[in-house]
């Protein structure tokens, strides 16, 4: 497990905007309780609490990845309106301490679903 450093910072903060995630005309998530994770030079990632996600549209897959700063990520496929996107969302279900604020949240690949943030 690695700790954030000035060369590789990680910051997680409450997203003050309303977040809507959609795919194939279906609303996957709507939240006013999202978090934004900023890590080093990567683009910011919005995480939405599972309670604000329509989990009936998702199936957990066997795919996983490991981040030395955040832990192991589990992945989910979405199916809505006859369309399917594999491994479109991920979650840190047992995160390292650095990522604990996003435990129980889902993040989404923005090139596969639409993530909108409104004031």
C-alpha atoms as a PDB file:
ATOM      1  CA  UNK A   1       0.000   0.000   0.000  1.00  0.00           C
ATOM      2  CA  UNK A   2       1.361   3.393  -1.017  1.00  0.00           C
ATOM      3  CA  UNK A   3       0.611   6.695   0.651  1.00  0.00           C
ATOM      4  CA  UNK A   4      -0.055   9.880  -1.339  1.00  0.00           C
ATOM      5  CA  UNK A   5       2.917  12.220  -1.630  1.00  0.00           C
ATOM      6  CA  UNK A   6       3.413  15.729  -3.010  1.00  0.00           C
ATOM      7  CA  UNK A   7       4.534  14.039  -6.244  1.00  0.00           C
ATOM      8  CA  UNK A   8       1.420  11.808  -6.296  1.00  0.00           C
ATOM      9  CA  UNK A   9      -1.333  13.619  -4.367  1.00  0.00           C
ATOM     10  CA  UNK A  10      -4.832  12.261  -3.823  1.00  0.00           C
ATOM     11  CA  UNK A  11      -7.699  14.472  -2.681  1.00  0.00           C
ATOM     12  CA  UNK A  12     -11.329  13.468  -2.202  1.00  0.00           C
ATOM     13  CA  UNK A  13     -13.936  16.140  -1.643  1.00  0.00           C
ATOM     14  CA  UNK A  14     -17.691  16.527  -1.678  1.00  0.00           C
ATOM     15  CA  UNK A  15     -18.984  17.456  -5.116  1.00  0.00           C
ATOM     16  CA  UNK A  16     -21.281  20.439  -4.617  1.00  0.00           C
ATOM     17  CA  UNK A  17     -23.073  19.890  -7.928  1.00  0.00           C
ATOM     18  CA  UNK A  18     -26.000  17.669  -8.785  1.00  0.00           C
ATOM     19  CA  UNK A  19     -24.697  14.651 -10.724  1.00  0.00           C
ATOM     20  CA  UNK A  20     -26.681  12.640 -13.278  1.00  0.00           C
ATOM     21  CA  UNK A  21     -25.291   9.549 -15.009  1.00  0.00           C
ATOM     22  CA  UNK A  22     -27.093   8.195 -18.087  1.00  0.00           C
ATOM     23  CA  UNK A  23     -26.646   5.496 -20.703  1.00  0.00           C
ATOM     24  CA  UNK A  24     -28.733   4.606 -23.749  1.00  0.00           C
ATOM     25  CA  UNK A  25     -31.514   6.973 -22.668  1.00  0.00           C
ATOM     26  CA  UNK A  26     -31.722   5.521 -19.145  1.00  0.00           C
ATOM     27  CA  UNK A  27     -30.830   7.381 -15.966  1.00  0.00           C
ATOM     28  CA  UNK A  28     -28.313   5.242 -14.081  1.00  0.00           C
ATOM     29  CA  UNK A  29     -27.746   7.586 -11.169  1.00  0.00           C
ATOM     30  CA  UNK A  30     -28.837  10.926  -9.756  1.00  0.00           C
ATOM     31  CA  UNK A  31     -27.092  12.366  -6.730  1.00  0.00           C
ATOM     32  CA  UNK A  32     -26.442  15.485  -4.758  1.00  0.00           C
ATOM     33  CA  UNK A  33     -24.031  13.558  -2.529  1.00  0.00           C
ATOM     34  CA  UNK A  34     -21.298  12.669  -5.039  1.00  0.00           C
ATOM     35  CA  UNK A  35     -17.585  12.890  -4.270  1.00  0.00           C
ATOM     36  CA  UNK A  36     -14.783  13.961  -6.615  1.00  0.00           C
ATOM     37  CA  UNK A  37     -11.441  12.190  -6.426  1.00  0.00           C
ATOM     38  CA  UNK A  38      -8.385  13.982  -7.776  1.00  0.00           C
ATOM     39  CA  UNK A  39      -5.235  11.917  -8.167  1.00  0.00           C
ATOM     40  CA  UNK A  40      -1.913  13.235  -9.411  1.00  0.00           C
ATOM     41  CA  UNK A  41      -2.225  14.407 -13.035  1.00  0.00           C
ATOM     42  CA  UNK A  42      -5.253  12.187 -13.864  1.00  0.00           C
ATOM     43  CA  UNK A  43      -8.585  13.811 -14.718  1.00  0.00           C
ATOM     44  CA  UNK A  44     -10.955  14.159 -11.735  1.00  0.00           C
ATOM     45  CA  UNK A  45     -13.314  11.200 -11.190  1.00  0.00           C
ATOM     46  CA  UNK A  46     -16.850  11.564  -9.847  1.00  0.00           C
ATOM     47  CA  UNK A  47     -18.006   8.864  -7.410  1.00  0.00           C
ATOM     48  CA  UNK A  48     -21.738   8.411  -6.719  1.00  0.00           C
ATOM     49  CA  UNK A  49     -23.142   6.698  -3.599  1.00  0.00           C
ATOM     50  CA  UNK A  50     -24.695   3.306  -4.424  1.00  0.00           C
ATOM     51  CA  UNK A  51     -27.930   4.448  -2.794  1.00  0.00           C
ATOM     52  CA  UNK A  52     -28.247   6.999  -5.626  1.00  0.00           C
ATOM     53  CA  UNK A  53     -27.514   4.449  -8.400  1.00  0.00           C
ATOM     54  CA  UNK A  54     -30.122   2.181  -9.999  1.00  0.00           C
ATOM     55  CA  UNK A  55     -28.192  -0.993  -9.184  1.00  0.00           C
ATOM     56  CA  UNK A  56     -30.888  -3.125 -10.889  1.00  0.00           C
ATOM     57  CA  UNK A  57     -29.264  -2.100 -14.193  1.00  0.00           C
ATOM     58  CA  UNK A  58     -25.809  -3.354 -13.160  1.00  0.00           C
ATOM     59  CA  UNK A  59     -24.186  -6.758 -12.913  1.00  0.00           C
ATOM     60  CA  UNK A  60     -20.884  -7.297 -11.140  1.00  0.00           C
ATOM     61  CA  UNK A  61     -18.230  -8.831 -13.374  1.00  0.00           C
ATOM     62  CA  UNK A  62     -15.144 -10.901 -12.639  1.00  0.00           C
ATOM     63  CA  UNK A  63     -12.888  -8.052 -13.809  1.00  0.00           C
ATOM     64  CA  UNK A  64     -10.808  -6.296 -11.165  1.00  0.00           C
ATOM     65  CA  UNK A  65      -7.843  -3.959 -10.967  1.00  0.00           C
ATOM     66  CA  UNK A  66      -5.452  -2.941  -8.246  1.00  0.00           C
ATOM     67  CA  UNK A  67      -4.288   0.543  -7.337  1.00  0.00           C
ATOM     68  CA  UNK A  68      -1.408   0.725  -4.854  1.00  0.00           C
ATOM     69  CA  UNK A  69      -2.978   3.899  -3.372  1.00  0.00           C
ATOM     70  CA  UNK A  70      -6.686   2.980  -3.320  1.00  0.00           C
ATOM     71  CA  UNK A  71      -6.859  -0.831  -3.245  1.00  0.00           C
ATOM     72  CA  UNK A  72      -8.752  -3.374  -5.356  1.00  0.00           C
ATOM     73  CA  UNK A  73     -11.536  -2.183  -7.655  1.00  0.00           C
ATOM     74  CA  UNK A  74     -14.555  -4.313  -8.578  1.00  0.00           C
ATOM     75  CA  UNK A  75     -16.264  -3.697 -11.920  1.00  0.00           C
ATOM     76  CA  UNK A  76     -19.836  -3.602 -13.160  1.00  0.00           C
ATOM     77  CA  UNK A  77     -21.535  -3.968 -16.534  1.00  0.00           C
ATOM     78  CA  UNK A  78     -24.676  -1.968 -17.317  1.00  0.00           C
ATOM     79  CA  UNK A  79     -27.593  -2.997 -19.479  1.00  0.00           C
ATOM     80  CA  UNK A  80     -30.379  -0.554 -20.372  1.00  0.00           C
ATOM     81  CA  UNK A  81     -32.799  -0.139 -23.262  1.00  0.00           C
ATOM     82  CA  UNK A  82     -31.284  -3.064 -25.154  1.00  0.00           C
ATOM     83  CA  UNK A  83     -27.730  -1.695 -24.924  1.00  0.00           C
ATOM     84  CA  UNK A  84     -24.880  -3.117 -22.866  1.00  0.00           C
ATOM     85  CA  UNK A  85     -21.557  -1.635 -21.745  1.00  0.00           C
ATOM     86  CA  UNK A  86     -19.019  -3.994 -20.179  1.00  0.00           C
ATOM     87  CA  UNK A  87     -17.066  -2.967 -17.084  1.00  0.00           C
ATOM     88  CA  UNK A  88     -18.412   0.572 -17.289  1.00  0.00           C
ATOM     89  CA  UNK A  89     -18.340   1.288 -13.553  1.00  0.00           C
ATOM     90  CA  UNK A  90     -16.021   0.448 -10.699  1.00  0.00           C
ATOM     91  CA  UNK A  91     -16.068   0.514  -6.931  1.00  0.00           C
ATOM     92  CA  UNK A  92     -13.562   0.234  -4.113  1.00  0.00           C
ATOM     93  CA  UNK A  93     -15.455  -2.033  -1.742  1.00  0.00           C
ATOM     94  CA  UNK A  94     -12.607  -2.477   0.748  1.00  0.00           C
ATOM     95  CA  UNK A  95     -10.437   0.553   0.005  1.00  0.00           C
ATOM     96  CA  UNK A  96      -7.156   1.500   1.566  1.00  0.00           C
ATOM     97  CA  UNK A  97      -7.423   4.357   4.096  1.00  0.00           C
ATOM     98  CA  UNK A  98      -6.627   6.954   1.417  1.00  0.00           C
ATOM     99  CA  UNK A  99      -9.792   6.052  -0.524  1.00  0.00           C
ATOM    100  CA  UNK A 100     -12.091   5.313   2.418  1.00  0.00           C
ATOM    101  CA  UNK A 101     -14.355   8.329   1.637  1.00  0.00           C
ATOM    102  CA  UNK A 102     -15.482   6.608  -1.622  1.00  0.00           C
ATOM    103  CA  UNK A 103     -16.259   3.232  -0.055  1.00  0.00           C
ATOM    104  CA  UNK A 104     -19.746   2.256  -1.200  1.00  0.00           C
ATOM    105  CA  UNK A 105     -19.598   4.606  -4.196  1.00  0.00           C
ATOM    106  CA  UNK A 106     -19.443   3.886  -7.944  1.00  0.00           C
ATOM    107  CA  UNK A 107     -17.353   5.685 -10.542  1.00  0.00           C
ATOM    108  CA  UNK A 108     -18.050   5.559 -14.274  1.00  0.00           C
ATOM    109  CA  UNK A 109     -16.018   5.651 -17.473  1.00  0.00           C
ATOM    110  CA  UNK A 110     -17.079   8.949 -19.022  1.00  0.00           C
ATOM    111  CA  UNK A 111     -16.301   7.739 -22.541  1.00  0.00           C
ATOM    112  CA  UNK A 112     -18.987   5.020 -22.148  1.00  0.00           C
ATOM    113  CA  UNK A 113     -21.718   6.798 -20.170  1.00  0.00           C
ATOM    114  CA  UNK A 114     -22.749  10.417 -19.842  1.00  0.00           C
ATOM    115  CA  UNK A 115     -21.876  12.102 -16.548  1.00  0.00           C
ATOM    116  CA  UNK A 116     -23.430  15.539 -16.137  1.00  0.00           C
ATOM    117  CA  UNK A 117     -22.743  17.960 -13.305  1.00  0.00           C
ATOM    118  CA  UNK A 118     -25.184  20.829 -12.763  1.00  0.00           C
ATOM    119  CA  UNK A 119     -24.954  23.739 -10.362  1.00  0.00           C
END
